[in-house]
Amino acid sequence: MLKHSLRWLTGLGAAGALIAASATPAVAAPTVEPYFQDSTLAIGAEPTIRGLLLYADEPTVLTGVSVRYDYRSLAKKLTVTPADGQECTAPEPGVLVCTEPSDVTLYELPPLGGGIYRNGAKRVHLGLTEDARLGDSGDVAVSFQAAGGRRGSYTSRVRVGEGVDLAGGPFTEFSAKPGGKFTVPLVVANAGDKTVTGFVAVFDLPYSIRTKDRFSNCRYSGDHLVSCQFDEDIPVGTGLAAKLNLEFVRDTYAPASHSGYAQFMTTADFEDLTRVRAAAGARAATPGSGPKLTLAKARARARQTDQTDVGPGYDHTGWIIKATGKNGTDLAAIGATLKGPAGAVVTATVGFRNNGPATLDGTNGDFEAATHTDVELPPGTTAVEVPDNCWLRQDTTRTYLCASEMLLVAGQTYSMKFRLRIDKVIPNARGAVRVNAPCECPGGEGFHDDIKPANDGTTIVVNATQGDGGQGDGDGDGDGGGGGGSLPITGAPTNLIAGIGALLLVAGVGGCLLARRRTSRFVA
C-alpha cells in the first residue's frame, strides 16, 4: 500500500501545489499546469522512468499533444529516450520531441469532488552516458503544446549521484485498545555496496495512529508523524534501529487492523520529491522542538555527494496494529424539507452525520469511498445541479448514488447540495436519503456494520402540508433561479491526515488542494 500511495502522491503532492498556488481563473478553458519530477541518477545504474504529469482545476481533454524535452545543459551526459512506445524525434542534440498517440483526458483525482484533475503523457527513460561524473547537474526543460494553442512548461533538476540501496526491516504486529499506547521498531539497513550517508523516513500512518513525541529532526501535522531526517551513516551490510512511541486515538474503529508504514529515501531522493513545495507557497509540516530521534550509534559525517536509491523494491517497513475491543460507527442520514411554487429552484442540503463513537477510515489503495448515499428525488422535481461526487444509478431517472470521502470523522456532518426545480406542485412530495447504500464498486460494497441502521434512511419532502414536514432537517431555501454553488460531501479537512495524506503534508500541499475545489456540475 505504501509504495502505491507514494507513487500516486509523488505527482499529486508537487504538481497539485502548483495548480493550487495559481490564481489564474479558468475562462474559455481550464488552465493546465505541467510537472516533471526532479531526479538524481546514479552512474552505472539502470535508467529512471519519469513522466510529464498534467494538472487542471476542471476536467478537460487535450488533443494533438506533443512534448519537448530540452536537456542541452547536460549534453553528452544525459540520455532521454522513449519508454512507452511513443513516436519521438531528435531535432538537435540534447532535444527530444514526442507525439502522444491519442487524446489526453484529465481525470479527477480522489477524493471525488476534490476538483483536481490529472493525467500523464507517455513516459521517458532518463539515463547517464559514460561522460557523466559525480556532482554533475543540469536542467531538463519539459514543455507541451496541444490543439487550440494550449501549452505550458516546467523545468526539472537532474543531478548525478552515487547509487546506494536502502532496505526496511521486517513487518511486525501489535495490538492495543482504542486510546491505548504501543511501541514499534523503526529498522533500516544498507543492502548495497556503498555507505549510506544520511537518509529520510517518510511515514504513511492512518488517522487512528498518533504520537506525542516531538523530535527535532522529525516533522509533524498536529499529532501525526510525517517524516524524520537522519544524518547517521549506514555502513555496508549493517542496519540501524530506533523505537517509536505511538498510540491509538479514542475514536479508533475496533475490532479492526490498522496498518502503518515508513519508506526510506536518500536525502537527495527526498529533495527531488519535495523541492517544489516551497516554490509553490504550500503548507509545510512543523518540526519538533524536543530531543533528536537517534538510531544505533554511527559516526556522523558531512554529506560528500548526492545519493539515490537504485534498489527501491524493499525500502520500506510496516506495522499492523490490531485494535481490540468494540468501538463502532453510527452514520445517520440527513434529509430536507423544501417549499416553493412551480418553476422555482430550491436547494436540498442532504447527507449524513457520523454519530460515532468511532471514526470510519476507508482509506485504501483503491481510493474508494468509505460509504455511499442514495438520494432519490421527490416526484414533481428535476435536478438542475448535482454534486460532482454523485451520478444517476443505472436504470433509474430519479436516484443518484453519491460517494463519500474516504475518512469520516466521528462527530462530523458530511453534507452536499442538490439544486432542484419544482416542475409541478405535489403536496407532500417525498424523496429519500439512504446512507450506506449498496454499490457495485471495485473496492467492495462499502460499509455494512452500522451500529444503528434504523437511522440510515430519511426523507426529502417538498411542499409539506401542515403537520407533515417529514424527517428532513436540511436546507429548504427557494430562490426561483439556477445559480448558487453545490458542495461535495465534506467535513473537517481530514484529507490532510488520512493514511495516504502523509506525503501530502511532506510535500506540503494538502490545504492548498482543498482550497481549490470545483464543487458542482449542471445537468439540466
Protein backbone atom coordinates (compact mmCIF):
# COMPACT_ATOMS: atom_id res chain seq x y z
CA MET A 1 0.00 0.00 0.00
CA LEU A 2 2.75 2.44 0.89
CA LYS A 3 4.51 2.09 -2.43
CA HIS A 4 1.23 2.58 -4.28
CA SER A 5 0.31 5.62 -2.19
CA LEU A 6 3.70 7.25 -2.59
CA ARG A 7 3.73 6.78 -6.34
CA TRP A 8 0.36 8.50 -6.59
CA LEU A 9 1.22 11.26 -4.16
CA THR A 10 4.61 11.95 -5.69
CA GLY A 11 2.82 13.62 -8.56
CA LEU A 12 -0.15 14.98 -6.64
CA GLY A 13 1.96 16.47 -3.88
CA ALA A 14 4.12 18.54 -6.18
CA ALA A 15 2.06 19.42 -9.20
CA GLY A 16 -1.12 19.80 -7.19
CA ALA A 17 0.60 22.56 -5.28
CA LEU A 18 1.33 24.40 -8.50
CA ILE A 19 -2.32 24.26 -9.52
CA ALA A 20 -3.41 25.35 -6.06
CA ALA A 21 -0.97 28.22 -5.95
CA SER A 22 -2.08 29.58 -9.30
CA ALA A 23 -4.69 32.30 -9.01
CA THR A 24 -5.48 32.34 -12.72
CA PRO A 25 -9.20 31.66 -13.22
CA ALA A 26 -10.40 29.35 -15.97
CA VAL A 27 -12.28 31.29 -18.64
CA ALA A 28 -12.61 29.65 -22.06
CA ALA A 29 -10.73 26.54 -20.97
CA PRO A 30 -9.17 25.37 -17.70
CA THR A 31 -5.53 26.17 -17.10
CA VAL A 32 -3.29 23.12 -17.46
CA GLU A 33 -0.11 23.02 -15.33
CA PRO A 34 2.72 20.55 -16.14
CA TYR A 35 5.06 18.91 -13.65
CA PHE A 36 8.15 16.75 -14.19
CA GLN A 37 9.80 15.48 -11.01
CA ASP A 38 13.45 16.21 -10.20
CA SER A 39 15.84 13.26 -10.47
CA THR A 40 19.11 12.11 -9.01
CA LEU A 41 20.71 9.50 -11.28
CA ALA A 42 23.44 7.04 -10.37
CA ILE A 43 26.40 6.24 -12.59
CA GLY A 44 26.15 2.66 -13.82
CA ALA A 45 22.51 2.22 -12.72
CA GLU A 46 19.51 1.40 -14.85
CA PRO A 47 17.74 4.45 -16.34
CA THR A 48 15.00 6.07 -14.30
CA ILE A 49 11.48 6.37 -15.70
CA ARG A 50 9.81 9.77 -15.46
CA GLY A 51 6.59 11.09 -16.92
CA LEU A 52 5.19 14.55 -17.56
CA LEU A 53 2.10 14.99 -15.38
CA LEU A 54 -0.62 17.43 -16.45
CA TYR A 55 -2.97 19.02 -13.90
CA ALA A 56 -6.08 21.18 -14.25
CA ASP A 57 -8.76 22.53 -11.94
CA GLU A 58 -11.54 21.46 -14.33
CA PRO A 59 -11.99 18.35 -16.47
CA THR A 60 -10.52 18.74 -19.93
CA VAL A 61 -9.33 16.80 -22.97
CA LEU A 62 -6.11 17.72 -24.77
CA THR A 63 -5.79 16.80 -28.44
CA GLY A 64 -2.74 16.85 -30.67
CA VAL A 65 -0.35 16.78 -27.72
CA SER A 66 3.41 16.87 -28.21
CA VAL A 67 6.06 17.01 -25.50
CA ARG A 68 9.54 18.51 -25.88
CA TYR A 69 12.44 17.55 -23.60
CA ASP A 70 15.33 20.00 -23.72
CA TYR A 71 18.35 18.66 -21.84
CA ARG A 72 21.11 20.57 -23.60
CA SER A 73 22.52 21.72 -20.26
CA LEU A 74 23.56 18.09 -19.74
CA ALA A 75 24.56 17.42 -23.33
CA LYS A 76 26.67 14.25 -23.76
CA LYS A 77 26.00 13.32 -20.11
CA LEU A 78 22.24 12.62 -20.05
CA THR A 79 20.10 10.47 -22.34
CA VAL A 80 16.34 10.84 -22.74
CA THR A 81 14.64 8.02 -24.63
CA PRO A 82 11.02 6.86 -25.09
CA ALA A 83 9.70 4.38 -22.51
CA ASP A 84 6.15 3.73 -23.72
CA GLY A 85 6.46 3.29 -27.46
CA GLN A 86 5.51 6.81 -28.49
CA GLU A 87 6.82 8.37 -31.69
CA CYS A 88 9.76 10.68 -30.97
CA THR A 89 12.31 12.64 -32.97
CA ALA A 90 15.59 14.35 -32.04
CA PRO A 91 15.67 17.65 -33.98
CA GLU A 92 19.05 18.52 -32.45
CA PRO A 93 21.46 17.09 -29.87
CA GLY A 94 20.04 17.34 -26.36
CA VAL A 95 16.40 17.69 -27.53
CA LEU A 96 13.69 15.02 -27.83
CA VAL A 97 10.18 15.72 -29.15
CA CYS A 98 7.47 13.08 -28.63
CA THR A 99 3.94 12.97 -30.03
CA GLU A 100 1.12 11.49 -27.99
CA PRO A 101 -0.67 8.75 -29.97
CA SER A 102 -4.13 9.70 -28.66
CA ASP A 103 -6.00 12.40 -26.79
CA VAL A 104 -5.01 13.06 -23.17
CA THR A 105 -8.06 13.20 -20.88
CA LEU A 106 -7.54 14.73 -17.45
CA TYR A 107 -9.49 12.73 -14.88
CA GLU A 108 -10.45 13.77 -11.37
CA LEU A 109 -8.22 12.52 -8.58
CA PRO A 110 -9.69 11.10 -5.38
CA PRO A 111 -11.43 12.14 -3.26
CA LEU A 112 -14.28 12.63 -5.72
CA GLY A 113 -15.40 16.23 -5.77
CA GLY A 114 -11.93 17.46 -4.79
CA GLY A 115 -11.58 19.43 -8.02
CA ILE A 116 -8.06 18.37 -9.10
CA TYR A 117 -7.80 16.64 -12.50
CA ARG A 118 -4.72 14.82 -13.76
CA ASN A 119 -3.27 12.60 -16.43
CA GLY A 120 0.18 12.00 -17.79
CA ALA A 121 1.98 11.96 -21.09
CA LYS A 122 3.86 8.87 -22.21
CA ARG A 123 6.96 8.35 -20.11
CA VAL A 124 10.65 8.56 -20.93
CA HIS A 125 13.86 6.94 -19.64
CA LEU A 126 16.47 9.21 -18.06
CA GLY A 127 19.93 7.68 -18.18
CA LEU A 128 23.58 8.67 -17.95
CA THR A 129 26.35 8.38 -20.50
CA GLU A 130 29.96 7.40 -19.84
CA ASP A 131 30.85 11.09 -19.72
CA ALA A 132 28.74 11.75 -16.61
CA ARG A 133 30.64 12.42 -13.40
CA LEU A 134 29.65 12.62 -9.74
CA GLY A 135 28.46 16.12 -8.92
CA ASP A 136 27.29 16.98 -12.44
CA SER A 137 23.91 18.72 -12.55
CA GLY A 138 21.70 20.46 -15.03
CA ASP A 139 18.12 21.07 -16.09
CA VAL A 140 15.55 19.33 -18.23
CA ALA A 141 13.07 21.86 -19.62
CA VAL A 142 9.90 19.92 -20.41
CA SER A 143 7.18 21.67 -22.41
CA PHE A 144 3.95 20.56 -24.04
CA GLN A 145 1.66 22.00 -26.66
CA ALA A 146 -1.81 20.92 -27.75
CA ALA A 147 -4.54 21.95 -30.15
CA GLY A 148 -6.07 25.36 -29.57
CA GLY A 149 -2.78 26.96 -28.60
CA ARG A 150 -2.68 25.28 -25.20
CA ARG A 151 0.84 24.97 -23.88
CA GLY A 152 2.96 25.01 -20.74
CA SER A 153 6.45 24.20 -19.43
CA TYR A 154 8.25 23.03 -16.33
CA THR A 155 12.00 22.94 -15.60
CA SER A 156 13.22 19.91 -13.67
CA ARG A 157 16.59 19.47 -11.96
CA VAL A 158 18.79 16.46 -12.71
CA ARG A 159 21.83 15.56 -10.59
CA VAL A 160 24.46 12.85 -10.97
CA GLY A 161 24.89 10.96 -7.70
CA GLU A 162 26.08 7.79 -6.10
CA GLY A 163 23.91 4.68 -6.13
CA VAL A 164 23.03 3.07 -2.79
CA ASP A 165 20.41 0.53 -1.68
CA LEU A 166 18.25 1.09 1.41
CA ALA A 167 16.16 -1.75 2.86
CA GLY A 168 13.47 -1.67 5.53
CA GLY A 169 13.10 -4.06 8.44
CA PRO A 170 10.51 -6.85 8.61
CA PHE A 171 6.81 -6.13 9.14
CA THR A 172 5.66 -6.62 12.72
CA GLU A 173 2.30 -6.97 14.51
CA PHE A 174 0.98 -5.42 17.73
CA SER A 175 -2.34 -4.83 19.46
CA ALA A 176 -3.93 -2.10 21.58
CA LYS A 177 -7.34 -0.80 22.59
CA PRO A 178 -8.73 2.50 21.23
CA GLY A 179 -6.84 5.16 23.18
CA GLY A 180 -4.06 2.69 24.02
CA LYS A 181 -0.30 3.11 23.53
CA PHE A 182 2.19 0.85 21.76
CA THR A 183 5.83 0.94 20.65
CA VAL A 184 7.01 -0.10 17.17
CA PRO A 185 10.51 -0.62 15.77
CA LEU A 186 11.95 1.57 13.01
CA VAL A 187 14.60 -0.54 11.27
CA VAL A 188 16.64 0.33 8.18
CA ALA A 189 19.59 -1.47 6.59
CA ASN A 190 22.19 -0.88 3.89
CA ALA A 191 21.74 -3.60 1.28
CA GLY A 192 24.15 -2.04 -1.21
CA ASP A 193 27.91 -1.83 -1.64
CA LYS A 194 28.44 1.81 -0.60
CA THR A 195 27.99 3.55 2.74
CA VAL A 196 24.72 5.46 3.02
CA THR A 197 25.37 8.99 4.29
CA GLY A 198 22.07 10.31 5.60
CA PHE A 199 18.51 9.32 4.78
CA VAL A 200 14.87 10.20 5.43
CA ALA A 201 11.98 8.10 6.75
CA VAL A 202 8.60 9.13 5.29
CA PHE A 203 5.62 7.85 7.27
CA ASP A 204 2.27 6.68 5.93
CA LEU A 205 0.14 6.44 9.08
CA PRO A 206 -3.66 6.27 9.23
CA TYR A 207 -5.89 8.74 11.01
CA SER A 208 -6.05 6.46 14.06
CA ILE A 209 -2.30 6.45 14.86
CA ARG A 210 -0.73 9.45 16.61
CA THR A 211 2.35 10.36 18.65
CA LYS A 212 3.06 12.76 21.49
CA ASP A 213 6.82 12.82 20.81
CA ARG A 214 8.28 15.93 19.19
CA PHE A 215 11.75 15.05 17.91
CA SER A 216 13.70 17.94 16.47
CA ASN A 217 14.66 16.02 13.31
CA CYS A 218 11.07 14.98 12.59
CA ARG A 219 8.10 16.84 11.14
CA TYR A 220 4.51 16.69 12.32
CA SER A 221 0.99 17.75 11.48
CA GLY A 222 -0.69 18.04 14.84
CA ASP A 223 -0.16 14.65 16.48
CA HIS A 224 0.62 12.96 13.17
CA LEU A 225 4.20 11.94 12.44
CA VAL A 226 5.08 12.88 8.85
CA SER A 227 8.83 12.37 8.32
CA CYS A 228 12.20 12.12 10.10
CA GLN A 229 15.58 13.07 8.67
CA PHE A 230 18.78 11.37 9.83
CA ASP A 231 22.43 12.23 9.22
CA GLU A 232 23.78 8.89 10.53
CA ASP A 233 25.92 6.73 8.26
CA ILE A 234 24.86 3.17 7.49
CA PRO A 235 27.94 1.14 6.58
CA VAL A 236 27.64 -1.66 4.05
CA GLY A 237 25.93 -4.74 5.44
CA THR A 238 24.72 -3.05 8.63
CA GLY A 239 21.46 -1.69 9.94
CA LEU A 240 20.17 0.90 12.38
CA ALA A 241 17.11 0.85 14.62
CA ALA A 242 15.02 3.09 16.84
CA LYS A 243 11.72 2.78 18.70
CA LEU A 244 8.65 4.92 18.03
CA ASN A 245 6.06 5.52 20.75
CA LEU A 246 2.65 5.63 19.11
CA GLU A 247 -0.96 5.45 20.28
CA PHE A 248 -4.50 4.97 19.03
CA VAL A 249 -6.94 7.88 19.23
CA ARG A 250 -10.07 7.16 21.26
CA ASP A 251 -12.28 7.16 18.16
CA THR A 252 -10.32 4.32 16.54
CA TYR A 253 -12.61 1.75 14.93
CA ALA A 254 -12.48 -1.66 16.64
CA PRO A 255 -12.15 -4.52 16.21
CA ALA A 256 -10.03 -3.88 13.14
CA SER A 257 -6.46 -4.00 11.86
CA HIS A 258 -4.76 -0.64 11.28
CA SER A 259 -1.58 -0.55 9.18
CA GLY A 260 1.27 1.94 9.28
CA TYR A 261 4.32 2.19 7.06
CA ALA A 262 7.62 4.00 6.69
CA GLN A 263 9.53 4.40 3.45
CA PHE A 264 13.24 5.15 3.50
CA MET A 265 14.74 7.56 0.96
CA THR A 266 18.16 9.02 0.39
CA THR A 267 18.40 12.69 1.24
CA ALA A 268 18.73 13.57 -2.45
CA ASP A 269 15.69 11.47 -3.44
CA PHE A 270 13.65 13.22 -0.74
CA GLU A 271 14.80 16.60 -2.05
CA ASP A 272 13.78 15.57 -5.56
CA LEU A 273 10.31 14.74 -4.27
CA THR A 274 9.72 17.87 -2.20
CA ARG A 275 11.80 20.73 -3.64
CA VAL A 276 8.79 22.21 -5.43
CA ARG A 277 6.85 22.65 -2.16
CA ALA A 278 8.40 25.95 -1.10
CA ALA A 279 8.34 27.36 -4.62
CA ALA A 280 4.60 26.75 -4.78
CA GLY A 281 4.00 28.55 -1.49
CA ALA A 282 2.48 25.41 0.01
CA ARG A 283 1.98 24.48 3.61
CA ALA A 284 4.82 22.67 5.40
CA ALA A 285 4.69 20.23 8.29
CA THR A 286 6.15 21.51 11.58
CA PRO A 287 9.49 20.34 13.04
CA GLY A 288 9.51 19.16 16.65
CA SER A 289 11.20 21.09 19.45
CA GLY A 290 12.30 18.15 21.60
CA PRO A 291 15.42 15.99 21.53
CA LYS A 292 16.71 14.37 18.37
CA LEU A 293 15.47 10.91 17.39
CA THR A 294 18.61 8.82 17.02
CA LEU A 295 19.25 5.35 15.72
CA ALA A 296 22.04 2.98 16.72
CA LYS A 297 25.37 4.76 17.20
CA ALA A 298 27.17 5.57 13.97
CA ARG A 299 29.82 8.07 13.03
CA ALA A 300 28.10 11.11 11.53
CA ARG A 301 29.84 12.90 8.70
CA ALA A 302 29.10 15.61 6.17
CA ARG A 303 27.34 14.51 3.01
CA GLN A 304 30.08 14.19 0.39
CA THR A 305 27.96 13.58 -2.68
CA ASP A 306 24.31 13.17 -3.65
CA GLN A 307 22.97 9.63 -3.42
CA THR A 308 19.99 7.87 -4.95
CA ASP A 309 18.37 4.54 -4.08
CA VAL A 310 18.94 2.23 -7.05
CA GLY A 311 17.16 -0.74 -5.48
CA PRO A 312 13.92 0.72 -4.10
CA GLY A 313 11.89 -2.51 -4.07
CA TYR A 314 12.44 -3.21 -0.35
CA ASP A 315 12.99 0.28 1.03
CA HIS A 316 10.03 0.25 3.42
CA THR A 317 8.88 -1.30 6.67
CA GLY A 318 5.47 -1.55 8.28
CA TRP A 319 3.38 -2.43 11.27
CA ILE A 320 -0.06 -4.00 11.69
CA ILE A 321 -1.74 -2.91 14.90
CA LYS A 322 -4.92 -4.75 15.86
CA ALA A 323 -7.44 -2.54 17.61
CA THR A 324 -9.10 -4.73 20.23
CA GLY A 325 -12.46 -4.37 21.93
CA LYS A 326 -15.60 -2.87 20.39
CA ASN A 327 -15.88 0.66 19.04
CA GLY A 328 -18.31 1.02 16.12
CA THR A 329 -19.82 3.74 13.93
CA ASP A 330 -23.35 5.11 13.52
CA LEU A 331 -23.99 7.03 10.30
CA ALA A 332 -27.31 8.88 10.42
CA ALA A 333 -28.97 10.18 7.23
CA ILE A 334 -29.92 13.86 6.92
CA GLY A 335 -32.88 14.83 4.75
CA ALA A 336 -34.50 18.14 3.80
CA THR A 337 -37.85 19.93 3.84
CA LEU A 338 -38.40 22.23 0.84
CA LYS A 339 -41.12 24.51 -0.44
CA GLY A 340 -41.77 26.65 -3.48
CA PRO A 341 -44.10 27.31 -6.40
CA ALA A 342 -43.92 25.62 -9.77
CA GLY A 343 -40.82 26.79 -11.65
CA ALA A 344 -38.83 27.65 -8.52
CA VAL A 345 -35.33 26.23 -7.99
CA VAL A 346 -34.69 25.16 -4.40
CA THR A 347 -31.62 23.82 -2.61
CA ALA A 348 -31.74 20.49 -0.77
CA THR A 349 -28.82 20.11 1.64
CA VAL A 350 -28.68 16.42 2.46
CA GLY A 351 -26.12 13.87 3.60
CA PHE A 352 -25.31 12.21 6.89
CA ARG A 353 -23.62 12.65 10.26
CA ASN A 354 -21.11 10.31 11.86
CA ASN A 355 -22.54 9.95 15.36
CA GLY A 356 -19.54 7.87 16.39
CA PRO A 357 -18.21 6.75 18.67
CA ALA A 358 -15.65 5.64 16.06
CA THR A 359 -14.22 7.37 13.01
CA LEU A 360 -14.73 5.37 9.82
CA ASP A 361 -11.48 5.20 7.84
CA GLY A 362 -11.92 3.70 4.38
CA THR A 363 -8.54 4.91 3.09
CA ASN A 364 -7.02 2.30 0.80
CA GLY A 365 -5.02 1.86 -2.36
CA ASP A 366 -8.21 1.72 -4.45
CA PHE A 367 -9.24 5.21 -3.27
CA GLU A 368 -12.79 4.02 -2.63
CA ALA A 369 -15.35 5.98 -0.63
CA ALA A 370 -15.96 4.91 2.96
CA THR A 371 -19.69 4.71 2.23
CA HIS A 372 -22.25 5.65 -0.43
CA THR A 373 -25.53 7.53 -0.16
CA ASP A 374 -28.64 7.21 -2.32
CA VAL A 375 -30.53 10.44 -2.96
CA GLU A 376 -33.95 9.83 -4.51
CA LEU A 377 -35.61 12.97 -5.89
CA PRO A 378 -39.21 13.71 -4.89
CA PRO A 379 -41.81 13.41 -7.69
CA GLY A 380 -42.52 16.67 -9.50
CA THR A 381 -38.90 17.84 -9.26
CA THR A 382 -35.89 17.79 -11.59
CA ALA A 383 -32.23 18.10 -10.61
CA VAL A 384 -30.61 21.06 -12.38
CA GLU A 385 -27.35 20.86 -10.46
CA VAL A 386 -25.81 17.95 -8.54
CA PRO A 387 -22.51 17.47 -6.67
CA ASP A 388 -19.56 16.10 -8.61
CA ASN A 389 -19.45 13.02 -6.40
CA CYS A 390 -22.97 11.90 -7.42
CA TRP A 391 -24.25 10.10 -10.51
CA LEU A 392 -27.52 8.56 -11.65
CA ARG A 393 -27.94 4.92 -10.80
CA GLN A 394 -28.33 2.62 -13.76
CA ASP A 395 -31.90 2.03 -14.92
CA THR A 396 -33.20 4.98 -12.89
CA THR A 397 -34.05 8.58 -13.68
CA ARG A 398 -34.51 9.92 -10.14
CA THR A 399 -31.99 8.21 -7.81
CA TYR A 400 -28.40 9.43 -7.50
CA LEU A 401 -25.61 7.42 -5.90
CA CYS A 402 -23.12 9.65 -4.07
CA ALA A 403 -19.62 8.69 -2.95
CA SER A 404 -18.37 9.93 0.40
CA GLU A 405 -14.86 10.88 1.39
CA MET A 406 -12.55 8.05 2.42
CA LEU A 407 -12.30 9.28 6.01
CA LEU A 408 -15.44 10.04 8.04
CA VAL A 409 -14.56 11.55 11.42
CA ALA A 410 -16.75 10.93 14.46
CA GLY A 411 -18.87 13.96 15.30
CA GLN A 412 -18.65 15.48 11.80
CA THR A 413 -21.52 16.16 9.37
CA TYR A 414 -21.00 15.42 5.66
CA SER A 415 -23.42 17.39 3.51
CA MET A 416 -23.99 18.02 -0.19
CA LYS A 417 -26.33 20.30 -2.08
CA PHE A 418 -28.77 19.38 -4.83
CA ARG A 419 -30.46 22.15 -6.81
CA LEU A 420 -33.99 21.04 -7.65
CA ARG A 421 -36.51 22.67 -9.97
CA ILE A 422 -40.12 22.24 -8.89
CA ASP A 423 -41.86 21.29 -12.13
CA LYS A 424 -45.22 20.60 -10.53
CA VAL A 425 -46.53 21.33 -7.04
CA ILE A 426 -47.42 18.00 -5.42
CA PRO A 427 -48.37 18.24 -1.74
CA ASN A 428 -46.07 16.13 0.45
CA ALA A 429 -43.94 15.01 -2.48
CA ARG A 430 -41.41 12.66 -0.90
CA GLY A 431 -37.95 11.58 -1.89
CA ALA A 432 -35.40 9.73 0.20
CA VAL A 433 -31.85 9.83 1.52
CA ARG A 434 -30.26 6.46 2.36
CA VAL A 435 -26.71 6.28 3.72
CA ASN A 436 -24.75 3.02 3.47
CA ALA A 437 -26.40 2.39 0.11
CA PRO A 438 -25.31 -0.67 -1.90
CA CYS A 439 -22.66 -0.04 -4.53
CA GLU A 440 -21.06 -2.41 -7.02
CA CYS A 441 -17.68 -0.73 -6.64
CA PRO A 442 -14.20 -2.09 -7.46
CA GLY A 443 -13.07 -1.80 -3.84
CA GLY A 444 -16.15 -3.52 -2.38
CA GLU A 445 -19.71 -2.62 -1.48
CA GLY A 446 -18.88 -0.15 1.26
CA PHE A 447 -19.84 -0.01 4.93
CA HIS A 448 -22.21 -2.71 6.24
CA ASP A 449 -21.64 -2.68 10.00
CA ASP A 450 -23.51 0.44 11.09
CA ILE A 451 -24.36 0.02 14.79
CA LYS A 452 -27.73 1.78 14.38
CA PRO A 453 -29.15 1.01 10.93
CA ALA A 454 -32.60 2.35 11.87
CA ASN A 455 -31.46 5.93 11.16
CA ASP A 456 -29.74 5.15 7.84
CA GLY A 457 -32.74 6.49 5.93
CA THR A 458 -34.79 9.70 5.97
CA THR A 459 -36.88 11.82 3.58
CA ILE A 460 -36.78 14.82 1.29
CA VAL A 461 -40.21 16.48 1.44
CA VAL A 462 -41.34 19.17 -0.99
CA ASN A 463 -44.33 21.37 -0.15
CA ALA A 464 -45.36 19.54 3.01
CA THR A 465 -48.85 20.14 4.27
CA GLN A 466 -49.23 21.47 7.79
CA GLY A 467 -48.08 18.98 10.39
CA ASP A 468 -46.39 16.72 7.85
CA GLY A 469 -42.93 18.10 7.40
CA GLY A 470 -41.24 14.71 7.30
CA GLN A 471 -37.94 13.90 8.94
CA GLY A 472 -35.80 16.27 6.90
CA ASP A 473 -33.73 18.84 8.67
CA GLY A 474 -31.83 20.14 5.67
CA ASP A 475 -31.81 23.39 3.72
CA GLY A 476 -35.12 24.35 2.18
CA ASP A 477 -34.27 27.61 0.50
CA GLY A 478 -36.02 28.56 -2.72
CA ASP A 479 -34.84 31.39 -4.95
CA GLY A 480 -36.53 30.77 -8.28
CA GLY A 481 -33.15 30.81 -10.07
CA GLY A 482 -30.44 28.44 -11.19
CA GLY A 483 -27.40 29.95 -9.51
CA GLY A 484 -25.62 29.06 -6.34
CA GLY A 485 -22.92 26.56 -5.51
CA SER A 486 -23.27 22.90 -4.69
CA LEU A 487 -20.88 21.32 -2.23
CA PRO A 488 -19.40 17.84 -2.34
CA ILE A 489 -19.65 15.71 0.76
CA THR A 490 -17.25 17.38 3.13
CA GLY A 491 -16.49 17.70 6.82
CA ALA A 492 -13.28 18.58 8.67
CA PRO A 493 -10.19 18.88 6.45
CA THR A 494 -9.19 15.35 7.39
CA ASN A 495 -7.81 14.51 3.96
CA LEU A 496 -4.65 16.16 5.24
CA ILE A 497 -4.13 13.46 7.82
CA ALA A 498 -5.55 10.31 6.30
CA GLY A 499 -3.11 7.48 5.75
CA ILE A 500 -2.42 8.37 2.13
CA GLY A 501 -2.22 12.01 3.15
CA ALA A 502 1.12 11.68 4.93
CA LEU A 503 3.14 12.60 1.88
CA LEU A 504 0.72 15.40 1.05
CA LEU A 505 1.96 17.01 4.22
CA VAL A 506 5.56 16.22 3.46
CA ALA A 507 5.16 17.90 0.10
CA GLY A 508 3.10 20.48 1.97
CA VAL A 509 0.09 20.83 -0.28
CA GLY A 510 -2.95 19.30 1.39
CA GLY A 511 -4.61 22.56 2.41
CA CYS A 512 -3.91 24.14 -0.96
CA LEU A 513 -5.56 21.28 -2.80
CA LEU A 514 -8.71 21.52 -0.74
CA ALA A 515 -8.85 25.28 -1.21
CA ARG A 516 -9.37 24.97 -4.97
CA ARG A 517 -12.39 22.66 -5.03
CA ARG A 518 -14.61 22.76 -8.11
CA THR A 519 -17.84 21.82 -6.46
CA SER A 520 -20.72 21.35 -8.86
CA ARG A 521 -21.87 20.50 -12.31
CA PHE A 522 -25.00 21.40 -14.23
CA VAL A 523 -27.20 18.64 -15.59
CA ALA A 524 -30.20 20.49 -17.00
